[in-house]
């Protein structure tokens, strides 16, 4: 029995190695559909994320600026909504003027770095100004886009 014992162990080891090799070569038939479902799920997730990113980008896009097709020349007072009128917590340039029927009207000015629209004209009390431009409508706000701007700080009240 001693002679047969090493041969039996050798055969058992060879059989074990052969079975291990055979099992490794076989593929699990259930893995292929699982990988297909996982790939389809990943594609749907990516597609959903792209749609969500597009929707978020549309939400963040600034509203379109529509010209009101109104050209306006105003001789009024340059005022700051924060300093002069205390209507806002931030500094915004505006023009206050007397319109039709002697009614006081306030219109915001669009920022123009190339124009001499110094914030001192607006923050240091009402300053007489002459502004010419077009009215734009954004988020139901009327904003005057100045084409020409002239301040008269020496005539301040």
N, C-alpha and C. Protein backbone atom coordinates (compact mmCIF):
# COMPACT_ATOMS: atom_id res chain seq x y z
N UNK A 1 0.80 -1.17 0.00
CA UNK A 1 0.00 0.00 0.00
C UNK A 1 0.85 1.25 0.00
N UNK A 2 1.99 1.13 0.45
CA UNK A 2 2.85 2.30 0.49
C UNK A 2 3.21 2.77 -0.91
N UNK A 3 3.36 1.79 -1.82
CA UNK A 3 3.71 2.17 -3.19
C UNK A 3 2.54 2.84 -3.90
N UNK A 4 1.36 2.38 -3.67
CA UNK A 4 0.18 2.94 -4.34
C UNK A 4 -0.21 4.32 -3.77
N UNK A 5 0.14 4.56 -2.57
CA UNK A 5 -0.26 5.82 -1.94
C UNK A 5 0.31 7.04 -2.66
N UNK A 6 1.58 7.13 -3.02
CA UNK A 6 2.09 8.31 -3.73
C UNK A 6 1.46 8.43 -5.12
N UNK A 7 1.18 7.28 -5.75
CA UNK A 7 0.55 7.35 -7.08
C UNK A 7 -0.87 7.88 -6.97
N UNK A 8 -1.59 7.47 -5.93
CA UNK A 8 -2.95 7.95 -5.73
C UNK A 8 -2.94 9.47 -5.47
N UNK A 9 -2.00 9.90 -4.68
CA UNK A 9 -1.91 11.33 -4.38
C UNK A 9 -1.54 12.10 -5.64
N UNK A 10 -0.67 11.54 -6.43
CA UNK A 10 -0.26 12.18 -7.68
C UNK A 10 -1.45 12.27 -8.64
N UNK A 11 -2.21 11.18 -8.75
CA UNK A 11 -3.39 11.20 -9.63
C UNK A 11 -4.44 12.18 -9.11
N UNK A 12 -4.62 12.18 -7.80
CA UNK A 12 -5.60 13.12 -7.21
C UNK A 12 -5.17 14.57 -7.46
N UNK A 13 -3.90 14.82 -7.33
CA UNK A 13 -3.40 16.17 -7.58
C UNK A 13 -3.56 16.54 -9.05
N UNK A 14 -3.26 15.58 -9.95
CA UNK A 14 -3.43 15.83 -11.38
C UNK A 14 -4.90 16.05 -11.72
N UNK A 15 -5.77 15.24 -11.12
CA UNK A 15 -7.20 15.38 -11.35
C UNK A 15 -7.69 16.74 -10.84
N UNK A 16 -7.22 17.13 -9.69
CA UNK A 16 -7.59 18.43 -9.12
C UNK A 16 -7.11 19.57 -10.02
N UNK A 17 -5.88 19.50 -10.49
CA UNK A 17 -5.34 20.51 -11.40
C UNK A 17 -6.14 20.55 -12.71
N UNK A 18 -6.48 19.38 -13.23
CA UNK A 18 -7.23 19.31 -14.49
C UNK A 18 -8.62 19.91 -14.30
N UNK A 19 -9.27 19.60 -13.18
CA UNK A 19 -10.60 20.13 -12.92
C UNK A 19 -10.55 21.66 -12.72
N UNK A 20 -9.55 22.13 -12.01
CA UNK A 20 -9.38 23.57 -11.80
C UNK A 20 -9.17 24.28 -13.13
N UNK A 21 -8.32 23.70 -13.95
CA UNK A 21 -8.06 24.27 -15.28
C UNK A 21 -9.33 24.28 -16.11
N UNK A 22 -10.08 23.19 -16.08
CA UNK A 22 -11.31 23.08 -16.86
C UNK A 22 -12.35 24.09 -16.36
N UNK A 23 -12.47 24.26 -15.04
CA UNK A 23 -13.43 25.23 -14.48
C UNK A 23 -13.05 26.66 -14.85
N UNK A 24 -11.76 26.93 -14.86
CA UNK A 24 -11.31 28.28 -15.23
C UNK A 24 -11.59 28.57 -16.69
N UNK A 25 -11.52 27.60 -17.53
CA UNK A 25 -11.75 27.80 -18.95
C UNK A 25 -13.24 27.95 -19.26
N UNK A 26 -14.09 27.34 -18.43
CA UNK A 26 -15.52 27.48 -18.66
C UNK A 26 -15.97 28.87 -18.22
N UNK A 27 -16.91 29.43 -18.97
CA UNK A 27 -17.46 30.74 -18.61
C UNK A 27 -18.85 30.54 -18.03
N UNK A 28 -19.15 31.38 -17.09
CA UNK A 28 -20.46 31.29 -16.47
C UNK A 28 -21.50 31.82 -17.46
N UNK A 29 -22.50 31.03 -17.80
CA UNK A 29 -23.49 31.48 -18.78
C UNK A 29 -24.37 32.62 -18.27
N UNK A 30 -24.39 32.85 -16.98
CA UNK A 30 -25.22 33.92 -16.42
C UNK A 30 -24.51 35.27 -16.44
N UNK A 31 -23.19 35.28 -16.60
CA UNK A 31 -22.46 36.55 -16.57
C UNK A 31 -22.72 37.40 -17.80
N UNK A 32 -22.85 36.81 -18.94
CA UNK A 32 -23.03 37.57 -20.18
C UNK A 32 -24.31 38.43 -20.11
N UNK A 33 -25.47 37.89 -19.73
CA UNK A 33 -26.65 38.76 -19.62
C UNK A 33 -26.52 39.81 -18.52
N UNK A 34 -25.84 39.46 -17.44
CA UNK A 34 -25.66 40.44 -16.36
C UNK A 34 -24.81 41.60 -16.85
N UNK A 35 -23.74 41.32 -17.60
CA UNK A 35 -22.91 42.40 -18.13
C UNK A 35 -23.69 43.24 -19.14
N UNK A 36 -24.54 42.61 -19.93
CA UNK A 36 -25.36 43.36 -20.90
C UNK A 36 -26.32 44.29 -20.19
N UNK A 37 -26.97 43.82 -19.15
CA UNK A 37 -27.91 44.66 -18.38
C UNK A 37 -27.15 45.80 -17.70
N UNK A 38 -25.98 45.50 -17.16
CA UNK A 38 -25.17 46.55 -16.51
C UNK A 38 -24.74 47.60 -17.53
N UNK A 39 -24.35 47.19 -18.73
CA UNK A 39 -23.94 48.14 -19.76
C UNK A 39 -25.12 49.02 -20.19
N UNK A 40 -26.29 48.42 -20.35
CA UNK A 40 -27.48 49.21 -20.72
C UNK A 40 -27.84 50.19 -19.60
N UNK A 41 -27.74 49.74 -18.36
CA UNK A 41 -28.02 50.63 -17.23
C UNK A 41 -27.04 51.80 -17.18
N UNK A 42 -25.78 51.52 -17.44
CA UNK A 42 -24.77 52.59 -17.45
C UNK A 42 -25.06 53.59 -18.57
N UNK A 43 -25.48 53.11 -19.73
CA UNK A 43 -25.82 54.03 -20.83
C UNK A 43 -27.00 54.91 -20.47
N UNK A 44 -28.02 54.33 -19.83
CA UNK A 44 -29.17 55.13 -19.41
C UNK A 44 -28.77 56.17 -18.37
N UNK A 45 -27.88 55.80 -17.46
CA UNK A 45 -27.42 56.76 -16.45
C UNK A 45 -26.67 57.91 -17.11
N UNK A 46 -25.81 57.60 -18.04
CA UNK A 46 -25.04 58.64 -18.74
C UNK A 46 -25.99 59.54 -19.53
N UNK A 47 -26.95 58.93 -20.21
CA UNK A 47 -27.93 59.69 -20.98
C UNK A 47 -28.75 60.62 -20.07
N UNK A 48 -29.15 60.11 -18.91
CA UNK A 48 -29.89 60.92 -17.95
C UNK A 48 -29.07 62.09 -17.42
N UNK A 49 -27.78 61.84 -17.13
CA UNK A 49 -26.91 62.92 -16.66
C UNK A 49 -26.72 64.00 -17.71
N UNK A 50 -26.58 63.59 -18.97
CA UNK A 50 -26.43 64.58 -20.05
C UNK A 50 -27.69 65.43 -20.16
N UNK A 51 -28.85 64.81 -20.09
CA UNK A 51 -30.11 65.57 -20.18
C UNK A 51 -30.23 66.52 -19.00
N UNK A 52 -29.85 66.07 -17.80
CA UNK A 52 -29.92 66.94 -16.63
C UNK A 52 -28.95 68.11 -16.75
N UNK A 53 -27.74 67.87 -17.29
CA UNK A 53 -26.78 68.95 -17.47
C UNK A 53 -27.30 69.98 -18.46
N UNK A 54 -27.95 69.52 -19.52
CA UNK A 54 -28.52 70.45 -20.50
C UNK A 54 -29.62 71.27 -19.86
N UNK A 55 -30.47 70.64 -19.06
CA UNK A 55 -31.56 71.36 -18.39
C UNK A 55 -31.00 72.38 -17.40
N UNK A 56 -29.96 72.02 -16.66
CA UNK A 56 -29.35 72.96 -15.72
C UNK A 56 -28.71 74.13 -16.45
N UNK A 57 -28.10 73.87 -17.60
CA UNK A 57 -27.48 74.94 -18.37
C UNK A 57 -28.55 75.91 -18.89
N UNK A 58 -29.71 75.39 -19.26
CA UNK A 58 -30.78 76.27 -19.73
C UNK A 58 -31.33 77.11 -18.59
N UNK A 59 -31.35 76.56 -17.37
CA UNK A 59 -31.83 77.32 -16.22
C UNK A 59 -30.87 78.46 -15.90
N UNK A 60 -29.57 78.22 -16.03
CA UNK A 60 -28.57 79.20 -15.68
C UNK A 60 -28.35 80.26 -16.75
N UNK A 61 -28.83 80.02 -17.94
CA UNK A 61 -28.65 80.96 -19.04
C UNK A 61 -29.37 82.27 -18.71
N UNK A 62 -28.72 83.40 -18.96
CA UNK A 62 -29.39 84.67 -18.68
C UNK A 62 -30.60 84.84 -19.59
N UNK A 63 -31.60 85.52 -19.10
CA UNK A 63 -32.79 85.71 -19.93
C UNK A 63 -32.46 86.57 -21.14
N UNK A 64 -33.12 86.33 -22.22
CA UNK A 64 -32.84 87.12 -23.41
C UNK A 64 -33.23 88.58 -23.21
N UNK A 65 -32.41 89.45 -23.75
CA UNK A 65 -32.67 90.88 -23.67
C UNK A 65 -33.43 91.28 -24.93
N UNK A 66 -34.61 91.82 -24.71
CA UNK A 66 -35.44 92.20 -25.85
C UNK A 66 -35.52 93.73 -25.93
N UNK A 67 -35.17 94.30 -27.05
CA UNK A 67 -35.35 95.75 -27.16
C UNK A 67 -36.83 96.08 -27.23
N UNK A 68 -37.19 97.13 -26.55
CA UNK A 68 -38.59 97.56 -26.55
C UNK A 68 -38.88 98.44 -27.76
N UNK A 69 -37.87 98.70 -28.56
CA UNK A 69 -37.97 99.58 -29.73
C UNK A 69 -38.42 100.97 -29.32
N UNK A 70 -37.99 101.39 -28.14
CA UNK A 70 -38.28 102.73 -27.67
C UNK A 70 -36.97 103.46 -27.49
N UNK A 71 -36.81 104.51 -28.26
CA UNK A 71 -35.63 105.36 -28.12
C UNK A 71 -36.04 106.48 -27.18
N UNK A 72 -35.20 106.77 -26.20
CA UNK A 72 -35.56 107.71 -25.16
C UNK A 72 -34.43 108.70 -24.94
N UNK A 73 -34.79 109.97 -24.85
CA UNK A 73 -33.86 111.02 -24.45
C UNK A 73 -34.41 111.61 -23.16
N UNK A 74 -33.64 111.52 -22.10
CA UNK A 74 -34.12 111.92 -20.78
C UNK A 74 -33.20 112.97 -20.19
N UNK A 75 -33.80 114.04 -19.73
CA UNK A 75 -33.09 115.03 -18.92
C UNK A 75 -33.67 114.90 -17.52
N UNK A 76 -32.87 114.32 -16.62
CA UNK A 76 -33.37 114.07 -15.28
C UNK A 76 -32.24 114.09 -14.28
N UNK A 77 -32.39 113.27 -13.23
CA UNK A 77 -31.41 113.23 -12.16
C UNK A 77 -30.81 111.82 -12.08
N UNK A 78 -29.49 111.76 -11.98
CA UNK A 78 -28.82 110.48 -11.77
C UNK A 78 -28.85 110.16 -10.30
N UNK A 79 -29.40 109.01 -9.95
CA UNK A 79 -29.53 108.62 -8.55
C UNK A 79 -29.02 107.18 -8.38
N UNK A 80 -28.62 106.86 -7.16
CA UNK A 80 -28.19 105.50 -6.81
C UNK A 80 -29.33 104.87 -6.01
N UNK A 81 -29.71 103.66 -6.35
CA UNK A 81 -30.81 103.00 -5.63
C UNK A 81 -30.45 102.72 -4.18
N UNK A 82 -29.14 102.59 -3.88
CA UNK A 82 -28.73 102.32 -2.51
C UNK A 82 -28.50 103.62 -1.73
N UNK A 83 -27.66 104.49 -2.25
CA UNK A 83 -27.26 105.70 -1.51
C UNK A 83 -28.34 106.77 -1.48
N UNK A 84 -28.88 107.08 -2.64
CA UNK A 84 -29.81 108.20 -2.73
C UNK A 84 -31.24 107.81 -2.36
N UNK A 85 -31.71 106.68 -2.86
CA UNK A 85 -33.12 106.31 -2.68
C UNK A 85 -33.35 105.26 -1.60
N UNK A 86 -32.31 104.56 -1.15
CA UNK A 86 -32.40 103.50 -0.14
C UNK A 86 -33.43 102.44 -0.53
N UNK A 87 -33.45 102.05 -1.81
CA UNK A 87 -34.37 101.02 -2.29
C UNK A 87 -33.70 99.67 -2.46
N UNK A 88 -32.37 99.63 -2.37
CA UNK A 88 -31.64 98.40 -2.63
C UNK A 88 -30.46 98.30 -1.67
N UNK A 89 -29.94 97.09 -1.53
CA UNK A 89 -28.75 96.89 -0.70
C UNK A 89 -27.48 96.99 -1.54
N UNK A 90 -27.64 97.10 -2.86
CA UNK A 90 -26.49 97.21 -3.75
C UNK A 90 -26.59 98.52 -4.53
N UNK A 91 -25.45 98.99 -4.99
CA UNK A 91 -25.41 100.22 -5.77
C UNK A 91 -25.87 99.94 -7.20
N UNK A 92 -26.90 100.64 -7.65
CA UNK A 92 -27.40 100.55 -9.01
C UNK A 92 -27.65 101.96 -9.52
N UNK A 93 -27.19 102.21 -10.73
CA UNK A 93 -27.40 103.51 -11.36
C UNK A 93 -28.82 103.58 -11.92
N UNK A 94 -29.45 104.75 -11.74
CA UNK A 94 -30.80 104.95 -12.27
C UNK A 94 -30.96 106.43 -12.60
N UNK A 95 -31.96 106.69 -13.44
CA UNK A 95 -32.30 108.07 -13.78
C UNK A 95 -33.74 108.30 -13.34
N UNK A 96 -33.91 109.39 -12.58
CA UNK A 96 -35.25 109.80 -12.13
C UNK A 96 -35.63 111.04 -12.93
N UNK A 97 -36.81 111.00 -13.53
CA UNK A 97 -37.24 112.14 -14.34
C UNK A 97 -38.74 112.30 -14.26
N UNK A 98 -39.20 113.45 -14.70
CA UNK A 98 -40.64 113.74 -14.75
C UNK A 98 -41.13 113.40 -16.15
N UNK A 99 -42.07 112.47 -16.22
CA UNK A 99 -42.58 112.02 -17.50
C UNK A 99 -43.90 112.70 -17.84
N UNK A 100 -44.71 111.99 -18.57
CA UNK A 100 -46.02 112.50 -18.97
C UNK A 100 -46.87 112.80 -17.75
N UNK A 101 -47.56 113.91 -17.79
CA UNK A 101 -48.44 114.28 -16.69
C UNK A 101 -47.69 114.63 -15.43
N UNK A 102 -46.43 115.05 -15.57
CA UNK A 102 -45.58 115.45 -14.44
C UNK A 102 -45.42 114.30 -13.42
N UNK A 103 -45.50 113.06 -13.91
CA UNK A 103 -45.36 111.88 -13.06
C UNK A 103 -43.89 111.51 -12.96
N UNK A 104 -43.42 111.26 -11.74
CA UNK A 104 -42.02 110.91 -11.53
C UNK A 104 -41.78 109.46 -11.98
N UNK A 105 -40.77 109.27 -12.82
CA UNK A 105 -40.44 107.95 -13.36
C UNK A 105 -39.00 107.63 -13.02
N UNK A 106 -38.74 106.38 -12.71
CA UNK A 106 -37.40 105.91 -12.38
C UNK A 106 -37.06 104.78 -13.34
N UNK A 107 -35.91 104.88 -14.00
CA UNK A 107 -35.48 103.84 -14.93
C UNK A 107 -34.03 103.49 -14.66
N UNK A 108 -33.73 102.18 -14.62
CA UNK A 108 -32.36 101.71 -14.37
C UNK A 108 -31.49 101.94 -15.59
N UNK A 109 -30.20 102.16 -15.36
CA UNK A 109 -29.23 102.33 -16.44
C UNK A 109 -28.39 101.06 -16.55
N UNK A 110 -28.14 100.64 -17.78
CA UNK A 110 -27.26 99.49 -18.02
C UNK A 110 -25.82 99.96 -17.87
N UNK A 111 -24.98 99.11 -17.28
CA UNK A 111 -23.57 99.44 -17.08
C UNK A 111 -22.86 99.59 -18.43
N UNK A 112 -22.07 100.66 -18.55
CA UNK A 112 -21.27 100.89 -19.74
C UNK A 112 -19.90 101.41 -19.31
N UNK A 113 -18.88 100.54 -19.33
CA UNK A 113 -17.56 101.00 -18.90
C UNK A 113 -16.98 102.09 -19.79
N UNK A 114 -17.35 102.11 -21.08
CA UNK A 114 -16.77 103.10 -21.99
C UNK A 114 -17.41 104.49 -21.83
N UNK A 115 -18.57 104.55 -21.22
CA UNK A 115 -19.23 105.84 -20.98
C UNK A 115 -18.72 106.41 -19.66
N UNK A 116 -18.76 107.73 -19.52
CA UNK A 116 -18.33 108.39 -18.29
C UNK A 116 -19.50 108.38 -17.29
N UNK A 117 -19.87 107.17 -16.86
CA UNK A 117 -20.97 107.03 -15.91
C UNK A 117 -20.40 106.75 -14.53
N UNK A 118 -19.59 107.67 -14.04
CA UNK A 118 -18.93 107.55 -12.75
C UNK A 118 -19.97 107.37 -11.65
N UNK A 119 -19.73 106.44 -10.75
CA UNK A 119 -20.67 106.16 -9.67
C UNK A 119 -20.84 107.37 -8.75
N UNK A 120 -19.85 108.28 -8.71
CA UNK A 120 -19.96 109.49 -7.89
C UNK A 120 -21.13 110.36 -8.34
N UNK A 121 -21.42 110.37 -9.64
CA UNK A 121 -22.55 111.16 -10.14
C UNK A 121 -23.85 110.67 -9.53
N UNK A 122 -23.92 109.39 -9.21
CA UNK A 122 -25.17 108.80 -8.74
C UNK A 122 -25.22 108.69 -7.22
N UNK A 123 -24.10 108.33 -6.58
CA UNK A 123 -24.09 108.09 -5.14
C UNK A 123 -24.04 109.37 -4.31
N UNK A 124 -23.55 110.45 -4.87
CA UNK A 124 -23.42 111.70 -4.11
C UNK A 124 -24.64 112.59 -4.29
N UNK A 125 -25.79 112.01 -4.21
CA UNK A 125 -27.02 112.78 -4.32
C UNK A 125 -27.45 112.92 -5.76
N UNK A 126 -28.62 113.44 -5.97
CA UNK A 126 -29.11 113.60 -7.34
C UNK A 126 -28.22 114.55 -8.13
N UNK A 127 -27.78 114.08 -9.30
CA UNK A 127 -26.95 114.87 -10.20
C UNK A 127 -27.71 115.03 -11.51
N UNK A 128 -27.86 116.25 -12.01
CA UNK A 128 -28.53 116.42 -13.30
C UNK A 128 -27.77 115.68 -14.40
N UNK A 129 -28.50 114.91 -15.20
CA UNK A 129 -27.90 114.14 -16.29
C UNK A 129 -28.78 114.25 -17.54
N UNK A 130 -28.12 114.03 -18.66
CA UNK A 130 -28.81 113.94 -19.94
C UNK A 130 -28.40 112.61 -20.54
N UNK A 131 -29.39 111.73 -20.76
CA UNK A 131 -29.12 110.37 -21.23
C UNK A 131 -29.97 110.11 -22.47
N UNK A 132 -29.33 109.49 -23.45
CA UNK A 132 -30.05 109.10 -24.66
C UNK A 132 -29.73 107.64 -24.92
N UNK A 133 -30.78 106.85 -25.22
CA UNK A 133 -30.54 105.44 -25.49
C UNK A 133 -31.82 104.69 -25.78
N UNK A 134 -31.70 103.37 -25.78
CA UNK A 134 -32.82 102.49 -26.07
C UNK A 134 -33.21 101.75 -24.80
N UNK A 135 -34.50 101.46 -24.68
CA UNK A 135 -34.99 100.72 -23.53
C UNK A 135 -34.99 99.23 -23.85
N UNK A 136 -34.39 98.45 -22.93
CA UNK A 136 -34.36 97.00 -23.05
C UNK A 136 -35.24 96.42 -21.95
N UNK A 137 -35.84 95.26 -22.21
CA UNK A 137 -36.68 94.61 -21.21
C UNK A 137 -36.05 93.27 -20.84
N UNK A 138 -35.71 93.11 -19.55
CA UNK A 138 -35.17 91.84 -19.04
C UNK A 138 -35.92 91.50 -17.76
N UNK A 139 -36.45 90.30 -17.70
CA UNK A 139 -37.20 89.86 -16.51
C UNK A 139 -38.23 90.90 -16.09
N UNK A 140 -38.91 91.44 -17.04
CA UNK A 140 -39.95 92.46 -16.85
C UNK A 140 -39.40 93.76 -16.25
N UNK A 141 -38.09 93.94 -16.26
CA UNK A 141 -37.47 95.21 -15.85
C UNK A 141 -37.13 96.02 -17.09
N UNK A 142 -37.42 97.29 -17.04
CA UNK A 142 -37.05 98.18 -18.14
C UNK A 142 -35.71 98.79 -17.80
N UNK A 143 -34.74 98.62 -18.68
CA UNK A 143 -33.38 99.13 -18.46
C UNK A 143 -33.01 100.01 -19.65
N UNK A 144 -32.46 101.17 -19.35
CA UNK A 144 -32.05 102.11 -20.39
C UNK A 144 -30.61 101.81 -20.78
N UNK A 145 -30.42 101.45 -22.04
CA UNK A 145 -29.08 101.20 -22.58
C UNK A 145 -28.61 102.52 -23.18
N UNK A 146 -27.70 103.19 -22.48
CA UNK A 146 -27.29 104.54 -22.87
C UNK A 146 -26.41 104.53 -24.10
N UNK A 147 -26.77 105.33 -25.08
CA UNK A 147 -25.92 105.56 -26.25
C UNK A 147 -25.07 106.81 -26.03
N UNK A 148 -25.66 107.78 -25.32
CA UNK A 148 -24.96 109.02 -24.97
C UNK A 148 -25.30 109.37 -23.52
N UNK A 149 -24.28 109.85 -22.80
CA UNK A 149 -24.46 110.19 -21.39
C UNK A 149 -23.67 111.45 -21.07
N UNK A 150 -24.32 112.38 -20.41
CA UNK A 150 -23.66 113.62 -20.00
C UNK A 150 -24.16 113.99 -18.62
N UNK A 151 -23.23 114.21 -17.67
CA UNK A 151 -23.58 114.60 -16.31
C UNK A 151 -23.20 116.06 -16.10
N UNK A 152 -23.96 116.73 -15.24
CA UNK A 152 -23.72 118.12 -14.91
C UNK A 152 -23.56 118.24 -13.39
N UNK A 153 -22.40 117.77 -12.84
CA UNK A 153 -22.24 117.77 -11.38
C UNK A 153 -22.19 119.16 -10.78
N UNK A 154 -21.82 120.15 -11.58
CA UNK A 154 -21.75 121.52 -11.04
C UNK A 154 -23.14 122.09 -10.75
N UNK A 155 -24.17 121.50 -11.35
CA UNK A 155 -25.53 121.99 -11.16
C UNK A 155 -26.27 121.17 -10.10
N UNK A 156 -25.53 120.43 -9.28
CA UNK A 156 -26.14 119.61 -8.24
C UNK A 156 -26.87 120.46 -7.23
N UNK A 157 -27.97 119.95 -6.72
CA UNK A 157 -28.79 120.70 -5.73
C UNK A 157 -28.17 120.63 -4.38
